[in-house]
Amino acid sequence: MGLIDNINKLFDHRIRLGIMSILMVNDEVDFNQLKELLDVTDGNLSSHSKTLEKAKYITIQKSFIGKKPNTRYAITQSGKQAFKKHIDALEHLIKSQE
């Protein structure tokens, strides 16, 4: 098995990498928090989060608080495992170059 076999192409994009990083350390985050932390547009955040949801790495929960829509994101167990495997592969790759 090569060094880069565990690098996950889904995490190649900086926005998806950011979403996963934030959700690894927070139980859940709402749309506005995530948008602010990543400094991205509504469309970018929606598009990349849907990609991660389709892969079952995150869950997206939509509700209303009063009359305002609220979207909350959380990482799934398989998302945690996939992201950890990805980070471990990157660390291993870096260490093998030293």
Protein backbone atom coordinates (compact mmCIF):
# COMPACT_ATOMS: atom_id res chain seq x y z
CA MET A 1 0.00 0.00 0.00
CA GLY A 2 1.45 3.37 -1.05
CA LEU A 3 1.83 6.36 1.26
CA ILE A 4 -0.91 8.32 -0.44
CA ASP A 5 -3.54 5.55 -0.58
CA ASN A 6 -5.27 6.87 2.56
CA ILE A 7 -5.41 10.47 1.37
CA ASN A 8 -9.07 11.22 0.76
CA LYS A 9 -9.85 13.19 -2.41
CA LEU A 10 -13.01 14.58 -0.78
CA PHE A 11 -10.83 16.55 1.62
CA ASP A 12 -8.68 18.07 -1.16
CA HIS A 13 -10.68 21.29 -1.25
CA ARG A 14 -9.84 23.85 1.45
CA ILE A 15 -13.50 24.52 2.30
CA ARG A 16 -14.28 20.83 2.87
CA LEU A 17 -11.04 20.47 4.82
CA GLY A 18 -12.11 23.46 6.93
CA ILE A 19 -15.62 22.13 7.54
CA MET A 20 -14.24 18.78 8.70
CA SER A 21 -11.55 20.41 10.89
CA ILE A 22 -14.11 22.61 12.64
CA LEU A 23 -16.55 19.74 13.15
CA MET A 24 -13.83 17.48 14.58
CA VAL A 25 -13.55 19.83 17.58
CA ASN A 26 -17.16 21.07 17.88
CA ASP A 27 -20.19 18.84 18.48
CA GLU A 28 -22.20 20.94 16.07
CA VAL A 29 -21.94 24.31 14.36
CA ASP A 30 -24.62 26.40 12.69
CA PHE A 31 -24.49 27.78 9.15
CA ASN A 32 -23.55 31.35 10.13
CA GLN A 33 -20.77 30.23 12.51
CA LEU A 34 -19.29 27.95 9.86
CA LYS A 35 -19.61 30.61 7.17
CA GLU A 36 -17.86 33.16 9.38
CA LEU A 37 -15.09 30.80 10.52
CA LEU A 38 -14.32 29.75 6.94
CA ASP A 39 -14.94 33.18 5.37
CA VAL A 40 -16.94 31.70 2.47
CA THR A 41 -20.11 32.57 0.58
CA ASP A 42 -23.49 30.94 1.29
CA GLY A 43 -23.31 29.07 -2.00
CA ASN A 44 -19.80 27.73 -1.41
CA LEU A 45 -20.68 26.49 2.06
CA SER A 46 -23.91 24.86 0.86
CA SER A 47 -22.24 23.17 -2.10
CA HIS A 48 -19.29 21.74 -0.14
CA SER A 49 -21.38 20.69 2.85
CA LYS A 50 -23.77 18.80 0.54
CA THR A 51 -20.79 16.91 -0.91
CA LEU A 52 -19.73 15.87 2.60
CA GLU A 53 -23.31 14.99 3.54
CA LYS A 54 -23.68 12.81 0.43
CA ALA A 55 -20.54 10.90 1.53
CA LYS A 56 -22.18 10.52 4.98
CA TYR A 57 -19.28 12.37 6.65
CA ILE A 58 -21.53 15.07 8.13
CA THR A 59 -25.20 15.55 8.94
CA ILE A 60 -27.13 18.68 8.06
CA GLN A 61 -30.15 19.49 10.20
CA LYS A 62 -32.53 22.22 9.11
CA SER A 63 -35.04 23.75 11.51
CA PHE A 64 -36.61 27.06 12.45
CA ILE A 65 -35.85 29.22 15.45
CA GLY A 66 -38.91 31.39 15.63
CA LYS A 67 -39.44 32.33 12.00
CA LYS A 68 -35.76 32.17 11.08
CA PRO A 69 -34.33 29.11 9.33
CA ASN A 70 -31.45 27.46 11.16
CA THR A 71 -29.05 24.94 9.63
CA ARG A 72 -26.78 22.94 11.92
CA TYR A 73 -23.88 20.70 10.94
CA ALA A 74 -22.37 17.76 12.82
CA ILE A 75 -19.73 15.20 11.95
CA THR A 76 -20.68 11.52 11.74
CA GLN A 77 -18.68 8.65 13.19
CA SER A 78 -17.63 7.56 9.69
CA GLY A 79 -16.68 11.18 8.96
CA LYS A 80 -14.44 11.27 12.03
CA GLN A 81 -12.78 8.00 11.03
CA ALA A 82 -12.27 9.08 7.40
CA PHE A 83 -10.85 12.46 8.41
CA LYS A 84 -8.52 10.95 11.01
CA LYS A 85 -7.29 8.42 8.43
CA HIS A 86 -6.68 11.31 6.00
CA ILE A 87 -4.73 13.37 8.56
CA ASP A 88 -2.72 10.31 9.65
CA ALA A 89 -1.81 9.64 6.00
CA LEU A 90 -0.68 13.25 5.53
CA GLU A 91 1.42 13.09 8.72
CA HIS A 92 2.96 9.80 7.62
CA LEU A 93 3.74 11.27 4.21
CA ILE A 94 5.39 14.33 5.78
CA LYS A 95 7.44 12.25 8.23
CA SER A 96 8.64 9.94 5.47
CA GLN A 97 10.09 12.97 3.64
CA GLU A 98 12.21 14.12 6.60
